[in-house]
Amino acid sequence: MNTLHLSYAVEVERCGSITQAAENLYMAQPNLSKAIKELEESMGFPIFARTSRGVLPTARGREFLVYARAILAQEQKMRTLSRLHDDHVQRFSLILPPSGYIAASFSRFLETLDMEKPMEINVQETSARQAVAAVSDGLFQMAVLRVDAQDQHAMAEYLKSKSLSSQTLWEYDALVLMSQHHPLAKAGRITENDLLAYPTVTAGEGFAPSGEGGLQAGDRAQRLELLRCLPLARMWSSPEPVQTLRRYNLVQRACFGSPPRFTDLLVCPADYTLSALDQRFLATVRETCGQLAAVRYI
């Protein structure tokens, strides 16, 4: 047994799927299955049970995974300690929600890196629940979480219970994203009642009816493509950079009334000190937010 196998088991638990875990780990699914089997054989008991709902930890497996996460967290702290005075490698680790302005900020941030120096860049897009687990388990140093603005205080308390700290990146009213050919694209003032006749695109696995007159798409790129192809669909979104709108032939409109209001939080371990690269990335994000906030949406 080694820590690599422990990280495999933690990722399988986080995803609830060996196939998805293998994809996240950039390895073949049979190889991951073999590694988990070897780990279970070395422990002498099954860590996971294969069910119709996916791969779930057994009772003893849940206890084992508590220790596995603790070991990985300690290993990460030791690695961080050994690198405190190492400026030779450019290291950056972030897990984030599907968001155009953050993706654009990350692209601009990459342009500031020294291409002649070694890099360790680890960035992944996932849900808030998985992001909290990844940072708590020491797999990532930072995460951006998107929460309903009214739930911000409760989320801060939850993160504190996980020994994680948070700071607000941006709080904003969601905009309506739609095709340039949508019937409301050039309408006057848009209200929530105007939107009821049109299907909503939401996050999900694959393209499937949501049961509420909506469509689900697995990742951000799929959702944007769905909006481009289906001119009657619409989606709640953070403000998107103009480059994204042009690429997918989309427009974004304000909704008058009570649109969803979101807060994007930067989350990291309570004892983590932001590096110079981390601070440079945050400065880039805040610059992007300032530019988008200055746009008047009708």
Protein backbone atom coordinates (compact mmCIF):
# COMPACT_ATOMS: atom_id res chain seq x y z
CA MET A 1 0.00 0.00 0.00
CA ASN A 2 1.25 3.49 -0.84
CA THR A 3 -0.13 7.01 -0.73
CA LEU A 4 -0.84 6.92 -4.46
CA HIS A 5 -3.31 4.07 -3.90
CA LEU A 6 -4.83 6.06 -1.04
CA SER A 7 -5.39 9.04 -3.35
CA TYR A 8 -7.04 6.70 -5.87
CA ALA A 9 -9.48 5.44 -3.22
CA VAL A 10 -10.31 8.97 -2.05
CA GLU A 11 -11.01 10.07 -5.63
CA VAL A 12 -13.27 7.05 -6.25
CA GLU A 13 -15.24 7.90 -3.10
CA ARG A 14 -15.49 11.55 -4.16
CA CYS A 15 -16.83 10.68 -7.62
CA GLY A 16 -18.90 7.64 -6.69
CA SER A 17 -17.70 6.17 -9.97
CA ILE A 18 -14.51 4.39 -10.99
CA THR A 19 -14.98 5.54 -14.59
CA GLN A 20 -15.24 9.22 -13.60
CA ALA A 21 -12.39 8.89 -11.09
CA ALA A 22 -10.16 7.35 -13.78
CA GLU A 23 -10.97 10.25 -16.10
CA ASN A 24 -10.13 12.80 -13.39
CA LEU A 25 -6.87 10.97 -12.64
CA TYR A 26 -5.96 10.75 -16.35
CA MET A 27 -5.60 6.98 -16.24
CA ALA A 28 -7.32 3.99 -17.85
CA GLN A 29 -10.37 2.64 -16.01
CA PRO A 30 -9.06 -0.98 -15.91
CA ASN A 31 -5.81 0.23 -14.33
CA LEU A 32 -7.69 2.11 -11.62
CA SER A 33 -9.95 -0.90 -10.95
CA LYS A 34 -6.85 -3.08 -10.61
CA ALA A 35 -5.21 -0.62 -8.20
CA ILE A 36 -8.34 -0.49 -6.01
CA LYS A 37 -8.55 -4.29 -6.00
CA GLU A 38 -4.88 -4.54 -4.95
CA LEU A 39 -5.51 -2.04 -2.17
CA GLU A 40 -8.52 -4.01 -0.93
CA GLU A 41 -6.50 -7.25 -1.01
CA SER A 42 -3.68 -5.66 0.99
CA MET A 43 -6.19 -4.44 3.60
CA GLY A 44 -8.05 -7.74 3.74
CA PHE A 45 -11.54 -6.30 3.28
CA PRO A 46 -13.58 -4.60 0.52
CA ILE A 47 -13.39 -0.82 0.62
CA PHE A 48 -16.11 -0.28 -1.97
CA ALA A 49 -19.36 -1.98 -2.93
CA ARG A 50 -20.57 -1.85 -6.53
CA THR A 51 -24.28 -0.90 -6.53
CA SER A 52 -26.89 0.34 -8.96
CA ARG A 53 -26.25 3.85 -7.56
CA GLY A 54 -22.54 3.64 -8.30
CA VAL A 55 -19.51 2.74 -6.21
CA LEU A 56 -20.15 3.27 -2.49
CA PRO A 57 -17.83 2.72 0.50
CA THR A 58 -18.54 -0.26 2.74
CA ALA A 59 -18.82 0.30 6.51
CA ARG A 60 -15.15 -0.59 7.03
CA GLY A 61 -14.31 1.28 3.84
CA ARG A 62 -15.73 4.52 5.27
CA GLU A 63 -13.53 4.13 8.34
CA PHE A 64 -10.51 3.38 6.14
CA LEU A 65 -11.15 6.47 3.98
CA VAL A 66 -11.17 8.73 7.06
CA TYR A 67 -7.61 7.62 7.79
CA ALA A 68 -6.64 7.79 4.10
CA ARG A 69 -7.73 11.43 3.84
CA ALA A 70 -5.85 12.30 7.02
CA ILE A 71 -2.66 10.68 5.70
CA LEU A 72 -2.95 12.50 2.36
CA ALA A 73 -3.56 15.83 4.11
CA GLN A 74 -0.44 15.36 6.22
CA GLU A 75 1.58 14.37 3.17
CA GLN A 76 0.43 17.53 1.38
CA LYS A 77 1.50 19.66 4.35
CA MET A 78 4.94 18.03 4.33
CA ARG A 79 5.30 18.68 0.60
CA THR A 80 4.25 22.29 1.09
CA LEU A 81 6.76 22.68 3.93
CA SER A 82 9.59 21.41 1.75
CA ARG A 83 8.68 23.90 -1.00
CA LEU A 84 8.26 27.05 1.07
CA HIS A 85 11.57 28.46 -0.13
CA ASP A 86 11.58 26.87 -3.59
CA ASP A 87 11.01 29.57 -6.20
CA HIS A 88 12.32 27.47 -9.08
CA VAL A 89 8.97 25.81 -9.95
CA GLN A 90 5.79 27.79 -10.65
CA ARG A 91 3.03 26.01 -8.73
CA PHE A 92 -0.68 26.74 -8.89
CA SER A 93 -3.63 24.60 -7.79
CA LEU A 94 -7.31 25.52 -8.20
CA ILE A 95 -10.67 23.77 -8.45
CA LEU A 96 -13.49 25.92 -9.81
CA PRO A 97 -17.12 26.03 -10.97
CA PRO A 98 -18.14 26.40 -14.63
CA SER A 99 -17.66 30.15 -15.08
CA GLY A 100 -16.71 32.24 -18.07
CA TYR A 101 -15.13 35.12 -16.17
CA ILE A 102 -12.96 32.79 -14.07
CA ALA A 103 -11.89 30.82 -17.15
CA ALA A 104 -11.00 34.07 -18.92
CA SER A 105 -9.08 35.24 -15.86
CA PHE A 106 -7.16 31.98 -15.73
CA SER A 107 -6.18 32.31 -19.40
CA ARG A 108 -4.87 35.83 -18.76
CA PHE A 109 -3.04 34.59 -15.66
CA LEU A 110 -1.29 31.86 -17.67
CA GLU A 111 0.05 34.52 -20.02
CA THR A 112 1.93 36.09 -17.09
CA LEU A 113 3.89 32.92 -16.28
CA ASP A 114 7.53 32.48 -17.20
CA MET A 115 7.50 29.92 -20.01
CA GLU A 116 11.17 29.13 -19.40
CA LYS A 117 10.64 28.01 -15.79
CA PRO A 118 9.15 24.61 -14.76
CA MET A 119 5.43 24.63 -13.93
CA GLU A 120 3.05 22.54 -11.85
CA ILE A 121 -0.43 23.77 -12.81
CA ASN A 122 -3.40 21.77 -11.50
CA VAL A 123 -6.83 23.17 -12.44
CA GLN A 124 -10.13 21.28 -12.55
CA GLU A 125 -13.79 22.22 -13.02
CA THR A 126 -16.34 20.53 -10.75
CA SER A 127 -19.28 21.02 -8.38
CA ALA A 128 -19.18 22.90 -5.06
CA ARG A 129 -19.56 19.70 -3.02
CA GLN A 130 -16.67 18.01 -4.78
CA ALA A 131 -14.57 21.17 -4.58
CA VAL A 132 -14.92 21.36 -0.79
CA ALA A 133 -13.94 17.70 -0.47
CA ALA A 134 -10.93 18.15 -2.77
CA VAL A 135 -9.53 21.10 -0.79
CA SER A 136 -10.36 19.50 2.56
CA ASP A 137 -8.56 16.32 1.47
CA GLY A 138 -5.50 18.28 0.38
CA LEU A 139 -5.86 17.44 -3.33
CA PHE A 140 -6.12 21.15 -4.24
CA GLN A 141 -4.86 24.27 -2.48
CA MET A 142 -7.74 26.56 -3.48
CA ALA A 143 -11.30 26.39 -4.78
CA VAL A 144 -13.90 28.82 -6.05
CA LEU A 145 -17.41 28.02 -4.80
CA ARG A 146 -20.62 29.49 -6.20
CA VAL A 147 -23.35 29.80 -3.56
CA ASP A 148 -26.71 31.51 -3.36
CA ALA A 149 -26.00 34.91 -1.79
CA GLN A 150 -28.51 34.30 1.01
CA ASP A 151 -26.66 31.09 1.94
CA GLN A 152 -23.25 32.74 2.17
CA HIS A 153 -23.17 32.90 5.98
CA ALA A 154 -24.24 29.26 6.36
CA MET A 155 -21.60 28.20 3.83
CA ALA A 156 -18.92 30.16 5.71
CA GLU A 157 -19.83 28.32 8.92
CA TYR A 158 -19.77 24.97 7.12
CA LEU A 159 -16.35 25.71 5.65
CA LYS A 160 -15.08 26.74 9.09
CA SER A 161 -16.18 23.34 10.42
CA LYS A 162 -13.98 21.79 7.72
CA SER A 163 -10.98 23.95 8.77
CA LEU A 164 -11.32 25.96 5.58
CA SER A 165 -11.32 29.75 5.23
CA SER A 166 -13.18 31.80 2.61
CA GLN A 167 -13.27 35.28 1.13
CA THR A 168 -15.73 36.84 -1.32
CA LEU A 169 -14.55 37.14 -4.92
CA TRP A 170 -17.72 38.59 -6.42
CA GLU A 171 -21.41 38.96 -5.61
CA TYR A 172 -23.74 39.55 -8.56
CA ASP A 173 -27.24 39.13 -9.98
CA ALA A 174 -27.36 36.29 -12.50
CA LEU A 175 -27.93 37.22 -16.12
CA VAL A 176 -30.01 35.36 -18.70
CA LEU A 177 -27.83 33.79 -21.38
CA MET A 178 -29.49 32.94 -24.72
CA SER A 179 -28.95 32.63 -28.45
CA GLN A 180 -28.85 35.77 -30.59
CA HIS A 181 -31.90 34.26 -32.31
CA HIS A 182 -33.93 33.79 -29.11
CA PRO A 183 -37.32 35.59 -29.22
CA LEU A 184 -36.27 37.63 -26.16
CA ALA A 185 -32.78 38.48 -27.42
CA LYS A 186 -33.88 41.91 -28.66
CA ALA A 187 -36.95 42.35 -26.48
CA GLY A 188 -37.32 45.34 -24.18
CA ARG A 189 -37.43 44.84 -20.45
CA ILE A 190 -37.32 41.09 -19.56
CA THR A 191 -39.08 39.76 -16.44
CA GLU A 192 -39.22 36.32 -14.85
CA ASN A 193 -42.70 35.81 -16.28
CA ASP A 194 -41.31 36.35 -19.79
CA LEU A 195 -38.88 33.46 -19.23
CA LEU A 196 -41.45 30.88 -18.13
CA ALA A 197 -42.32 29.85 -21.69
CA TYR A 198 -38.75 28.83 -22.52
CA PRO A 199 -36.74 25.77 -21.36
CA THR A 200 -33.86 26.29 -18.96
CA VAL A 201 -30.42 24.73 -19.46
CA THR A 202 -28.97 23.42 -16.19
CA ALA A 203 -26.01 21.33 -15.06
CA GLY A 204 -26.33 17.55 -15.33
CA GLU A 205 -24.97 14.40 -16.95
CA GLY A 206 -25.51 14.28 -20.70
CA PHE A 207 -28.47 15.95 -22.43
CA ALA A 208 -31.74 14.95 -20.83
CA PRO A 209 -35.07 16.56 -19.85
CA SER A 210 -34.91 17.84 -16.28
CA GLY A 211 -38.59 17.27 -15.60
CA GLU A 212 -39.28 21.01 -15.31
CA GLY A 213 -39.28 22.07 -18.93
CA GLY A 214 -35.50 22.21 -18.98
CA LEU A 215 -32.44 20.55 -20.44
CA GLN A 216 -29.37 19.28 -18.64
CA ALA A 217 -25.83 19.42 -20.01
CA GLY A 218 -22.74 17.83 -18.49
CA ASP A 219 -20.26 20.73 -18.55
CA ARG A 220 -20.09 24.44 -19.34
CA ALA A 221 -18.99 23.98 -22.97
CA GLN A 222 -21.91 21.60 -23.59
CA ARG A 223 -24.35 24.07 -22.04
CA LEU A 224 -23.10 26.93 -24.20
CA GLU A 225 -23.26 24.75 -27.30
CA LEU A 226 -26.80 23.74 -26.38
CA LEU A 227 -27.81 27.40 -26.16
CA ARG A 228 -26.24 28.05 -29.54
CA CYS A 229 -28.06 25.15 -31.21
CA LEU A 230 -31.45 25.61 -29.53
CA PRO A 231 -32.61 29.23 -30.01
CA LEU A 232 -35.52 28.83 -27.56
CA ALA A 233 -33.33 27.72 -24.63
CA ARG A 234 -31.98 30.04 -21.94
CA MET A 235 -29.67 29.74 -18.91
CA TRP A 236 -28.85 31.67 -15.72
CA SER A 237 -25.21 32.68 -15.77
CA SER A 238 -22.56 34.89 -14.23
CA PRO A 239 -21.56 37.75 -16.56
CA GLU A 240 -19.73 36.26 -19.53
CA PRO A 241 -16.78 37.84 -21.38
CA VAL A 242 -17.62 39.22 -24.80
CA GLN A 243 -15.27 36.69 -26.44
CA THR A 244 -17.46 33.83 -25.17
CA LEU A 245 -20.63 35.49 -26.43
CA ARG A 246 -19.15 35.93 -29.89
CA ARG A 247 -17.80 32.37 -30.04
CA TYR A 248 -21.21 30.84 -29.36
CA ASN A 249 -23.40 33.57 -30.93
CA LEU A 250 -25.02 34.37 -27.59
CA VAL A 251 -26.35 37.44 -25.79
CA GLN A 252 -26.84 38.05 -22.07
CA ARG A 253 -29.73 40.08 -20.68
CA ALA A 254 -30.67 41.38 -17.27
CA CYS A 255 -33.87 40.06 -15.68
CA PHE A 256 -35.98 42.57 -13.78
CA GLY A 257 -37.69 41.37 -10.63
CA SER A 258 -35.87 38.88 -8.43
CA PRO A 259 -33.17 37.11 -10.46
CA PRO A 260 -30.92 34.63 -8.64
CA ARG A 261 -28.12 36.39 -6.75
CA PHE A 262 -24.86 34.51 -6.31
CA THR A 263 -21.66 34.89 -4.33
CA ASP A 264 -18.42 33.37 -5.59
CA LEU A 265 -16.10 32.48 -2.72
CA LEU A 266 -12.38 31.72 -2.73
CA VAL A 267 -11.77 28.80 -0.37
CA CYS A 268 -8.49 27.39 0.97
CA PRO A 269 -7.26 25.59 4.11
CA ALA A 270 -7.36 27.87 7.15
CA ASP A 271 -3.59 27.54 7.62
CA TYR A 272 -2.73 28.10 3.95
CA THR A 273 -0.77 31.21 2.96
CA LEU A 274 -1.47 32.50 -0.54
CA SER A 275 1.60 32.36 -2.75
CA ALA A 276 2.73 35.15 -5.05
CA LEU A 277 1.16 33.25 -7.97
CA ASP A 278 -2.11 32.83 -6.05
CA GLN A 279 -2.23 36.57 -5.38
CA ARG A 280 -1.44 37.33 -9.02
CA PHE A 281 -4.35 35.12 -10.11
CA LEU A 282 -6.71 36.84 -7.65
CA ALA A 283 -5.65 40.25 -8.93
CA THR A 284 -6.46 39.09 -12.46
CA VAL A 285 -9.89 37.78 -11.37
CA ARG A 286 -10.75 41.04 -9.61
CA GLU A 287 -9.68 43.04 -12.64
CA THR A 288 -11.96 40.91 -14.84
CA CYS A 289 -14.83 41.33 -12.36
CA GLY A 290 -14.36 45.09 -12.39
CA GLN A 291 -14.50 45.21 -16.18
CA LEU A 292 -17.65 43.07 -16.36
CA ALA A 293 -19.35 44.93 -13.50
CA ALA A 294 -18.91 48.18 -15.42
CA VAL A 295 -20.99 46.85 -18.33
CA ARG A 296 -24.64 47.97 -18.37
CA TYR A 297 -26.92 44.99 -19.03
CA ILE A 298 -30.43 45.67 -20.30
